Amino acid sequence: MESEFTVLLRRFLPFAGVQELTGESRLFDLGLDSMQSVELLFAIEDTYGVELPPELLVDATFETAGALWRAVSRVREAAAEPAS
């Protein structure tokens, strides 16, 4: 995960404190709630210039920091691929 991503995430995780955020960090255990999930989604889309498709807007995507980062990375990679 990029450090910029973990800094962005931390703003939405009130229980994260100073602990290191890893791919296994469970976002809901760290205080992410449904309203914050929406705000986090908008922040990710604004920061990375991508839009997560509806099929990725599921609980599993927001379960861990790693799962969310993988979803963002896939969308970024797809956006960077030249159209055929």
PDB file of N, CA and C in Angstrom:
ATOM      1  N   MET A   1       0.844  -1.180   0.000  1.00  0.00           N
ATOM      2  CA  MET A   1       0.000   0.000   0.000  1.00  0.00           C
ATOM      3  C   MET A   1       0.887   1.239   0.000  1.00  0.00           C
ATOM      4  N   GLU A   2       0.457   2.227  -0.708  1.00  0.00           N
ATOM      5  CA  GLU A   2       1.180   3.501  -0.722  1.00  0.00           C
ATOM      6  C   GLU A   2       0.982   4.229   0.607  1.00  0.00           C
ATOM      7  N   SER A   3       2.007   4.964   0.998  1.00  0.00           N
ATOM      8  CA  SER A   3       1.902   5.724   2.250  1.00  0.00           C
ATOM      9  C   SER A   3       0.796   6.782   2.147  1.00  0.00           C
ATOM     10  N   GLU A   4       0.602   7.362   0.967  1.00  0.00           N
ATOM     11  CA  GLU A   4      -0.470   8.344   0.775  1.00  0.00           C
ATOM     12  C   GLU A   4      -1.833   7.711   1.071  1.00  0.00           C
ATOM     13  N   PHE A   5      -1.989   6.447   0.694  1.00  0.00           N
ATOM     14  CA  PHE A   5      -3.241   5.741   0.937  1.00  0.00           C
ATOM     15  C   PHE A   5      -3.461   5.527   2.432  1.00  0.00           C
ATOM     16  N   THR A   6      -2.430   5.122   3.152  1.00  0.00           N
ATOM     17  CA  THR A   6      -2.599   4.892   4.584  1.00  0.00           C
ATOM     18  C   THR A   6      -2.868   6.197   5.328  1.00  0.00           C
ATOM     19  N   VAL A   7      -2.265   7.292   4.875  1.00  0.00           N
ATOM     20  CA  VAL A   7      -2.548   8.604   5.484  1.00  0.00           C
ATOM     21  C   VAL A   7      -4.019   8.965   5.246  1.00  0.00           C
ATOM     22  N   LEU A   8      -4.495   8.741   4.042  1.00  0.00           N
ATOM     23  CA  LEU A   8      -5.895   9.005   3.710  1.00  0.00           C
ATOM     24  C   LEU A   8      -6.818   8.135   4.564  1.00  0.00           C
ATOM     25  N   LEU A   9      -6.518   6.855   4.646  1.00  0.00           N
ATOM     26  CA  LEU A   9      -7.332   5.927   5.442  1.00  0.00           C
ATOM     27  C   LEU A   9      -7.431   6.352   6.897  1.00  0.00           C
ATOM     28  N   ARG A  10      -6.298   6.716   7.457  1.00  0.00           N
ATOM     29  CA  ARG A  10      -6.225   7.031   8.879  1.00  0.00           C
ATOM     30  C   ARG A  10      -7.233   8.115   9.279  1.00  0.00           C
ATOM     31  N   ARG A  11      -7.532   9.045   8.372  1.00  0.00           N
ATOM     32  CA  ARG A  11      -8.499  10.114   8.667  1.00  0.00           C
ATOM     33  C   ARG A  11      -9.892   9.569   8.978  1.00  0.00           C
ATOM     34  N   PHE A  12     -10.176   8.343   8.524  1.00  0.00           N
ATOM     35  CA  PHE A  12     -11.507   7.757   8.675  1.00  0.00           C
ATOM     36  C   PHE A  12     -11.538   6.638   9.719  1.00  0.00           C
ATOM     37  N   LEU A  13     -10.426   6.450  10.440  1.00  0.00           N
ATOM     38  CA  LEU A  13     -10.316   5.344  11.397  1.00  0.00           C
ATOM     39  C   LEU A  13     -10.056   5.887  12.805  1.00  0.00           C
ATOM     40  N   PRO A  14     -11.105   6.254  13.523  1.00  0.00           N
ATOM     41  CA  PRO A  14     -10.917   6.901  14.820  1.00  0.00           C
ATOM     42  C   PRO A  14     -10.239   6.025  15.879  1.00  0.00           C
ATOM     43  N   PHE A  15     -10.262   4.706  15.708  1.00  0.00           N
ATOM     44  CA  PHE A  15      -9.652   3.826  16.707  1.00  0.00           C
ATOM     45  C   PHE A  15      -8.263   3.345  16.301  1.00  0.00           C
ATOM     46  N   ALA A  16      -7.720   3.851  15.204  1.00  0.00           N
ATOM     47  CA  ALA A  16      -6.413   3.391  14.724  1.00  0.00           C
ATOM     48  C   ALA A  16      -5.275   3.889  15.610  1.00  0.00           C
ATOM     49  N   GLY A  17      -5.456   5.052  16.208  1.00  0.00           N
ATOM     50  CA  GLY A  17      -4.391   5.602  17.039  1.00  0.00           C
ATOM     51  C   GLY A  17      -3.097   5.722  16.257  1.00  0.00           C
ATOM     52  N   VAL A  18      -2.018   5.294  16.875  1.00  0.00           N
ATOM     53  CA  VAL A  18      -0.708   5.388  16.215  1.00  0.00           C
ATOM     54  C   VAL A  18      -0.257   4.044  15.657  1.00  0.00           C
ATOM     55  N   GLN A  19      -1.114   3.021  15.787  1.00  0.00           N
ATOM     56  CA  GLN A  19      -0.702   1.712  15.286  1.00  0.00           C
ATOM     57  C   GLN A  19      -0.509   1.731  13.778  1.00  0.00           C
ATOM     58  N   GLU A  20       0.408   0.901  13.319  1.00  0.00           N
ATOM     59  CA  GLU A  20       0.699   0.794  11.892  1.00  0.00           C
ATOM     60  C   GLU A  20      -0.501   0.191  11.174  1.00  0.00           C
ATOM     61  N   LEU A  21      -0.837   0.757  10.033  1.00  0.00           N
ATOM     62  CA  LEU A  21      -1.896   0.187   9.207  1.00  0.00           C
ATOM     63  C   LEU A  21      -1.247  -0.778   8.226  1.00  0.00           C
ATOM     64  N   THR A  22      -1.714  -2.021   8.241  1.00  0.00           N
ATOM     65  CA  THR A  22      -1.195  -3.036   7.329  1.00  0.00           C
ATOM     66  C   THR A  22      -2.326  -3.522   6.442  1.00  0.00           C
ATOM     67  N   GLY A  23      -2.009  -4.374   5.513  1.00  0.00           N
ATOM     68  CA  GLY A  23      -3.027  -4.944   4.643  1.00  0.00           C
ATOM     69  C   GLY A  23      -4.085  -5.719   5.401  1.00  0.00           C
ATOM     70  N   GLU A  24      -3.717  -6.241   6.575  1.00  0.00           N
ATOM     71  CA  GLU A  24      -4.649  -7.030   7.379  1.00  0.00           C
ATOM     72  C   GLU A  24      -5.471  -6.178   8.353  1.00  0.00           C
ATOM     73  N   SER A  25      -5.195  -4.902   8.437  1.00  0.00           N
ATOM     74  CA  SER A  25      -5.935  -4.033   9.356  1.00  0.00           C
ATOM     75  C   SER A  25      -7.418  -4.041   8.987  1.00  0.00           C
ATOM     76  N   ARG A  26      -8.242  -4.423   9.954  1.00  0.00           N
ATOM     77  CA  ARG A  26      -9.687  -4.522   9.739  1.00  0.00           C
ATOM     78  C   ARG A  26     -10.315  -3.140   9.955  1.00  0.00           C
ATOM     79  N   LEU A  27     -10.834  -2.578   8.887  1.00  0.00           N
ATOM     80  CA  LEU A  27     -11.286  -1.188   8.909  1.00  0.00           C
ATOM     81  C   LEU A  27     -12.456  -0.948   9.860  1.00  0.00           C
ATOM     82  N   PHE A  28     -13.409  -1.856   9.907  1.00  0.00           N
ATOM     83  CA  PHE A  28     -14.561  -1.645  10.787  1.00  0.00           C
ATOM     84  C   PHE A  28     -14.149  -1.770  12.250  1.00  0.00           C
ATOM     85  N   ASP A  29     -13.171  -2.640  12.548  1.00  0.00           N
ATOM     86  CA  ASP A  29     -12.657  -2.755  13.913  1.00  0.00           C
ATOM     87  C   ASP A  29     -11.938  -1.474  14.344  1.00  0.00           C
ATOM     88  N   LEU A  30     -11.421  -0.734  13.362  1.00  0.00           N
ATOM     89  CA  LEU A  30     -10.703   0.511  13.643  1.00  0.00           C
ATOM     90  C   LEU A  30     -11.625   1.725  13.611  1.00  0.00           C
ATOM     91  N   GLY A  31     -12.943   1.480  13.521  1.00  0.00           N
ATOM     92  CA  GLY A  31     -13.902   2.566  13.657  1.00  0.00           C
ATOM     93  C   GLY A  31     -14.571   3.039  12.390  1.00  0.00           C
ATOM     94  N   LEU A  32     -14.258   2.436  11.252  1.00  0.00           N
ATOM     95  CA  LEU A  32     -14.932   2.847  10.018  1.00  0.00           C
ATOM     96  C   LEU A  32     -16.388   2.409  10.098  1.00  0.00           C
ATOM     97  N   ASP A  33     -17.308   3.340   9.882  1.00  0.00           N
ATOM     98  CA  ASP A  33     -18.724   2.988   9.857  1.00  0.00           C
ATOM     99  C   ASP A  33     -19.276   3.227   8.458  1.00  0.00           C
ATOM    100  N   SER A  34     -20.545   2.965   8.261  1.00  0.00           N
ATOM    101  CA  SER A  34     -21.113   3.046   6.918  1.00  0.00           C
ATOM    102  C   SER A  34     -21.065   4.463   6.349  1.00  0.00           C
ATOM    103  N   MET A  35     -21.324   5.462   7.186  1.00  0.00           N
ATOM    104  CA  MET A  35     -21.261   6.851   6.697  1.00  0.00           C
ATOM    105  C   MET A  35     -19.826   7.231   6.326  1.00  0.00           C
ATOM    106  N   GLN A  36     -18.886   6.834   7.162  1.00  0.00           N
ATOM    107  CA  GLN A  36     -17.490   7.131   6.871  1.00  0.00           C
ATOM    108  C   GLN A  36     -17.011   6.367   5.639  1.00  0.00           C
ATOM    109  N   SER A  37     -17.582   5.190   5.394  1.00  0.00           N
ATOM    110  CA  SER A  37     -17.219   4.419   4.197  1.00  0.00           C
ATOM    111  C   SER A  37     -17.537   5.216   2.938  1.00  0.00           C
ATOM    112  N   VAL A  38     -18.685   5.878   2.957  1.00  0.00           N
ATOM    113  CA  VAL A  38     -19.081   6.698   1.805  1.00  0.00           C
ATOM    114  C   VAL A  38     -18.122   7.883   1.664  1.00  0.00           C
ATOM    115  N   GLU A  39     -17.820   8.536   2.768  1.00  0.00           N
ATOM    116  CA  GLU A  39     -16.886   9.666   2.730  1.00  0.00           C
ATOM    117  C   GLU A  39     -15.507   9.210   2.282  1.00  0.00           C
ATOM    118  N   LEU A  40     -15.062   8.046   2.764  1.00  0.00           N
ATOM    119  CA  LEU A  40     -13.775   7.493   2.349  1.00  0.00           C
ATOM    120  C   LEU A  40     -13.781   7.197   0.857  1.00  0.00           C
ATOM    121  N   LEU A  41     -14.856   6.634   0.360  1.00  0.00           N
ATOM    122  CA  LEU A  41     -14.978   6.347  -1.070  1.00  0.00           C
ATOM    123  C   LEU A  41     -14.802   7.622  -1.886  1.00  0.00           C
ATOM    124  N   PHE A  42     -15.482   8.699  -1.495  1.00  0.00           N
ATOM    125  CA  PHE A  42     -15.345   9.970  -2.219  1.00  0.00           C
ATOM    126  C   PHE A  42     -13.917  10.493  -2.141  1.00  0.00           C
ATOM    127  N   ALA A  43     -13.295  10.370  -0.982  1.00  0.00           N
ATOM    128  CA  ALA A  43     -11.918  10.839  -0.815  1.00  0.00           C
ATOM    129  C   ALA A  43     -10.963  10.040  -1.703  1.00  0.00           C
ATOM    130  N   ILE A  44     -11.173   8.739  -1.785  1.00  0.00           N
ATOM    131  CA  ILE A  44     -10.333   7.896  -2.646  1.00  0.00           C
ATOM    132  C   ILE A  44     -10.523   8.296  -4.104  1.00  0.00           C
ATOM    133  N   GLU A  45     -11.770   8.452  -4.504  1.00  0.00           N
ATOM    134  CA  GLU A  45     -12.049   8.812  -5.898  1.00  0.00           C
ATOM    135  C   GLU A  45     -11.442  10.168  -6.247  1.00  0.00           C
ATOM    136  N   ASP A  46     -11.528  11.125  -5.338  1.00  0.00           N
ATOM    137  CA  ASP A  46     -10.934  12.446  -5.577  1.00  0.00           C
ATOM    138  C   ASP A  46      -9.415  12.378  -5.608  1.00  0.00           C
ATOM    139  N   THR A  47      -8.822  11.658  -4.663  1.00  0.00           N
ATOM    140  CA  THR A  47      -7.365  11.596  -4.558  1.00  0.00           C
ATOM    141  C   THR A  47      -6.738  10.866  -5.733  1.00  0.00           C
ATOM    142  N   TYR A  48      -7.349   9.758  -6.136  1.00  0.00           N
ATOM    143  CA  TYR A  48      -6.747   8.911  -7.173  1.00  0.00           C
ATOM    144  C   TYR A  48      -7.369   9.100  -8.550  1.00  0.00           C
ATOM    145  N   GLY A  49      -8.390   9.933  -8.659  1.00  0.00           N
ATOM    146  CA  GLY A  49      -8.992  10.218  -9.957  1.00  0.00           C
ATOM    147  C   GLY A  49      -9.632   9.002 -10.600  1.00  0.00           C
ATOM    148  N   VAL A  50     -10.215   8.140  -9.773  1.00  0.00           N
ATOM    149  CA  VAL A  50     -10.860   6.931 -10.274  1.00  0.00           C
ATOM    150  C   VAL A  50     -12.269   6.851  -9.701  1.00  0.00           C
ATOM    151  N   GLU A  51     -13.060   5.960 -10.278  1.00  0.00           N
ATOM    152  CA  GLU A  51     -14.393   5.689  -9.752  1.00  0.00           C
ATOM    153  C   GLU A  51     -14.508   4.190  -9.551  1.00  0.00           C
ATOM    154  N   LEU A  52     -14.773   3.782  -8.327  1.00  0.00           N
ATOM    155  CA  LEU A  52     -14.941   2.355  -8.061  1.00  0.00           C
ATOM    156  C   LEU A  52     -16.280   1.910  -8.637  1.00  0.00           C
ATOM    157  N   PRO A  53     -16.281   0.844  -9.426  1.00  0.00           N
ATOM    158  CA  PRO A  53     -17.539   0.377 -10.024  1.00  0.00           C
ATOM    159  C   PRO A  53     -18.448  -0.251  -8.972  1.00  0.00           C
ATOM    160  N   PRO A  54     -19.746  -0.313  -9.258  1.00  0.00           N
ATOM    161  CA  PRO A  54     -20.709  -0.837  -8.288  1.00  0.00           C
ATOM    162  C   PRO A  54     -20.362  -2.225  -7.754  1.00  0.00           C
ATOM    163  N   GLU A  55     -19.788  -3.081  -8.583  1.00  0.00           N
ATOM    164  CA  GLU A  55     -19.481  -4.437  -8.124  1.00  0.00           C
ATOM    165  C   GLU A  55     -18.399  -4.471  -7.040  1.00  0.00           C
ATOM    166  N   LEU A  56     -17.653  -3.376  -6.882  1.00  0.00           N
ATOM    167  CA  LEU A  56     -16.646  -3.293  -5.824  1.00  0.00           C
ATOM    168  C   LEU A  56     -17.167  -2.597  -4.572  1.00  0.00           C
ATOM    169  N   LEU A  57     -18.366  -2.078  -4.627  1.00  0.00           N
ATOM    170  CA  LEU A  57     -18.942  -1.361  -3.481  1.00  0.00           C
ATOM    171  C   LEU A  57     -19.686  -2.340  -2.573  1.00  0.00           C
ATOM    172  N   VAL A  58     -18.922  -3.272  -2.022  1.00  0.00           N
ATOM    173  CA  VAL A  58     -19.458  -4.311  -1.150  1.00  0.00           C
ATOM    174  C   VAL A  58     -18.643  -4.337   0.140  1.00  0.00           C
ATOM    175  N   ASP A  59     -19.202  -4.953   1.173  1.00  0.00           N
ATOM    176  CA  ASP A  59     -18.521  -5.011   2.469  1.00  0.00           C
ATOM    177  C   ASP A  59     -17.122  -5.606   2.363  1.00  0.00           C
ATOM    178  N   ALA A  60     -16.946  -6.624   1.538  1.00  0.00           N
ATOM    179  CA  ALA A  60     -15.642  -7.287   1.426  1.00  0.00           C
ATOM    180  C   ALA A  60     -14.551  -6.321   0.969  1.00  0.00           C
ATOM    181  N   THR A  61     -14.886  -5.373   0.119  1.00  0.00           N
ATOM    182  CA  THR A  61     -13.909  -4.395  -0.358  1.00  0.00           C
ATOM    183  C   THR A  61     -13.416  -3.520   0.784  1.00  0.00           C
ATOM    184  N   PHE A  62     -14.303  -3.223   1.730  1.00  0.00           N
ATOM    185  CA  PHE A  62     -13.971  -2.333   2.837  1.00  0.00           C
ATOM    186  C   PHE A  62     -13.614  -3.093   4.118  1.00  0.00           C
ATOM    187  N   GLU A  63     -13.448  -4.406   4.014  1.00  0.00           N
ATOM    188  CA  GLU A  63     -13.161  -5.207   5.205  1.00  0.00           C
ATOM    189  C   GLU A  63     -11.775  -4.926   5.776  1.00  0.00           C
ATOM    190  N   THR A  64     -10.770  -4.914   4.907  1.00  0.00           N
ATOM    191  CA  THR A  64      -9.404  -4.657   5.363  1.00  0.00           C
ATOM    192  C   THR A  64      -8.769  -3.570   4.513  1.00  0.00           C
ATOM    193  N   ALA A  65      -7.715  -2.984   5.041  1.00  0.00           N
ATOM    194  CA  ALA A  65      -6.982  -1.967   4.284  1.00  0.00           C
ATOM    195  C   ALA A  65      -6.439  -2.574   2.995  1.00  0.00           C
ATOM    196  N   GLY A  66      -5.966  -3.807   3.061  1.00  0.00           N
ATOM    197  CA  GLY A  66      -5.418  -4.471   1.880  1.00  0.00           C
ATOM    198  C   GLY A  66      -6.464  -4.718   0.809  1.00  0.00           C
ATOM    199  N   ALA A  67      -7.648  -5.152   1.215  1.00  0.00           N
ATOM    200  CA  ALA A  67      -8.720  -5.399   0.247  1.00  0.00           C
ATOM    201  C   ALA A  67      -9.107  -4.104  -0.464  1.00  0.00           C
ATOM    202  N   LEU A  68      -9.200  -3.030   0.287  1.00  0.00           N
ATOM    203  CA  LEU A  68      -9.559  -1.742  -0.311  1.00  0.00           C
ATOM    204  C   LEU A  68      -8.450  -1.258  -1.233  1.00  0.00           C
ATOM    205  N   TRP A  69      -7.202  -1.408  -0.814  1.00  0.00           N
ATOM    206  CA  TRP A  69      -6.086  -0.982  -1.650  1.00  0.00           C
ATOM    207  C   TRP A  69      -6.039  -1.793  -2.946  1.00  0.00           C
ATOM    208  N   ARG A  70      -6.292  -3.104  -2.869  1.00  0.00           N
ATOM    209  CA  ARG A  70      -6.298  -3.937  -4.083  1.00  0.00           C
ATOM    210  C   ARG A  70      -7.383  -3.470  -5.048  1.00  0.00           C
ATOM    211  N   ALA A  71      -8.555  -3.122  -4.530  1.00  0.00           N
ATOM    212  CA  ALA A  71      -9.638  -2.628  -5.385  1.00  0.00           C
ATOM    213  C   ALA A  71      -9.241  -1.319  -6.059  1.00  0.00           C
ATOM    214  N   VAL A  72      -8.675  -0.413  -5.284  1.00  0.00           N
ATOM    215  CA  VAL A  72      -8.232   0.877  -5.839  1.00  0.00           C
ATOM    216  C   VAL A  72      -7.153   0.643  -6.885  1.00  0.00           C
ATOM    217  N   SER A  73      -6.206  -0.225  -6.595  1.00  0.00           N
ATOM    218  CA  SER A  73      -5.110  -0.505  -7.526  1.00  0.00           C
ATOM    219  C   SER A  73      -5.625  -1.081  -8.835  1.00  0.00           C
ATOM    220  N   ARG A  74      -6.569  -2.024  -8.746  1.00  0.00           N
ATOM    221  CA  ARG A  74      -7.125  -2.627  -9.969  1.00  0.00           C
ATOM    222  C   ARG A  74      -7.808  -1.578 -10.841  1.00  0.00           C
ATOM    223  N   VAL A  75      -8.578  -0.695 -10.207  1.00  0.00           N
ATOM    224  CA  VAL A  75      -9.273   0.343 -10.964  1.00  0.00           C
ATOM    225  C   VAL A  75      -8.264   1.314 -11.584  1.00  0.00           C
ATOM    226  N   ARG A  76      -7.232   1.659 -10.833  1.00  0.00           N
ATOM    227  CA  ARG A  76      -6.200   2.554 -11.370  1.00  0.00           C
ATOM    228  C   ARG A  76      -5.482   1.920 -12.557  1.00  0.00           C
ATOM    229  N   GLU A  77      -5.146   0.650 -12.434  1.00  0.00           N
ATOM    230  CA  GLU A  77      -4.461  -0.049 -13.526  1.00  0.00           C
ATOM    231  C   GLU A  77      -5.339  -0.131 -14.760  1.00  0.00           C
ATOM    232  N   ALA A  78      -6.622  -0.438 -14.565  1.00  0.00           N
ATOM    233  CA  ALA A  78      -7.549  -0.514 -15.696  1.00  0.00           C
ATOM    234  C   ALA A  78      -7.687   0.843 -16.381  1.00  0.00           C
ATOM    235  N   ALA A  79      -7.688   1.908 -15.598  1.00  0.00           N
ATOM    236  CA  ALA A  79      -7.813   3.252 -16.164  1.00  0.00           C
ATOM    237  C   ALA A  79      -6.565   3.640 -16.948  1.00  0.00           C
ATOM    238  N   ALA A  80      -5.423   3.077 -16.562  1.00  0.00           N
ATOM    239  CA  ALA A  80      -4.163   3.420 -17.223  1.00  0.00           C
ATOM    240  C   ALA A  80      -3.932   2.625 -18.506  1.00  0.00           C
ATOM    241  N   GLU A  81      -4.667   1.530 -18.685  1.00  0.00           N
ATOM    242  CA  GLU A  81      -4.498   0.709 -19.881  1.00  0.00           C
ATOM    243  C   GLU A  81      -5.044   1.439 -21.093  1.00  0.00           C
ATOM    244  N   PRO A  82      -4.297   1.360 -22.205  1.00  0.00           N
ATOM    245  CA  PRO A  82      -4.798   1.999 -23.428  1.00  0.00           C
ATOM    246  C   PRO A  82      -6.042   1.277 -23.949  1.00  0.00           C
ATOM    247  N   ALA A  83      -6.967   2.038 -24.464  1.00  0.00           N
ATOM    248  CA  ALA A  83      -8.194   1.450 -25.033  1.00  0.00           C
ATOM    249  C   ALA A  83      -7.841   0.722 -26.308  1.00  0.00           C
ATOM    250  N   SER A  84      -8.488  -0.446 -26.501  1.00  0.00           N
ATOM    251  CA  SER A  84      -8.208  -1.183 -27.739  1.00  0.00           C
ATOM    252  C   SER A  84      -9.279  -0.990 -28.764  1.00  0.00           C
TER     253      SER A  84
END
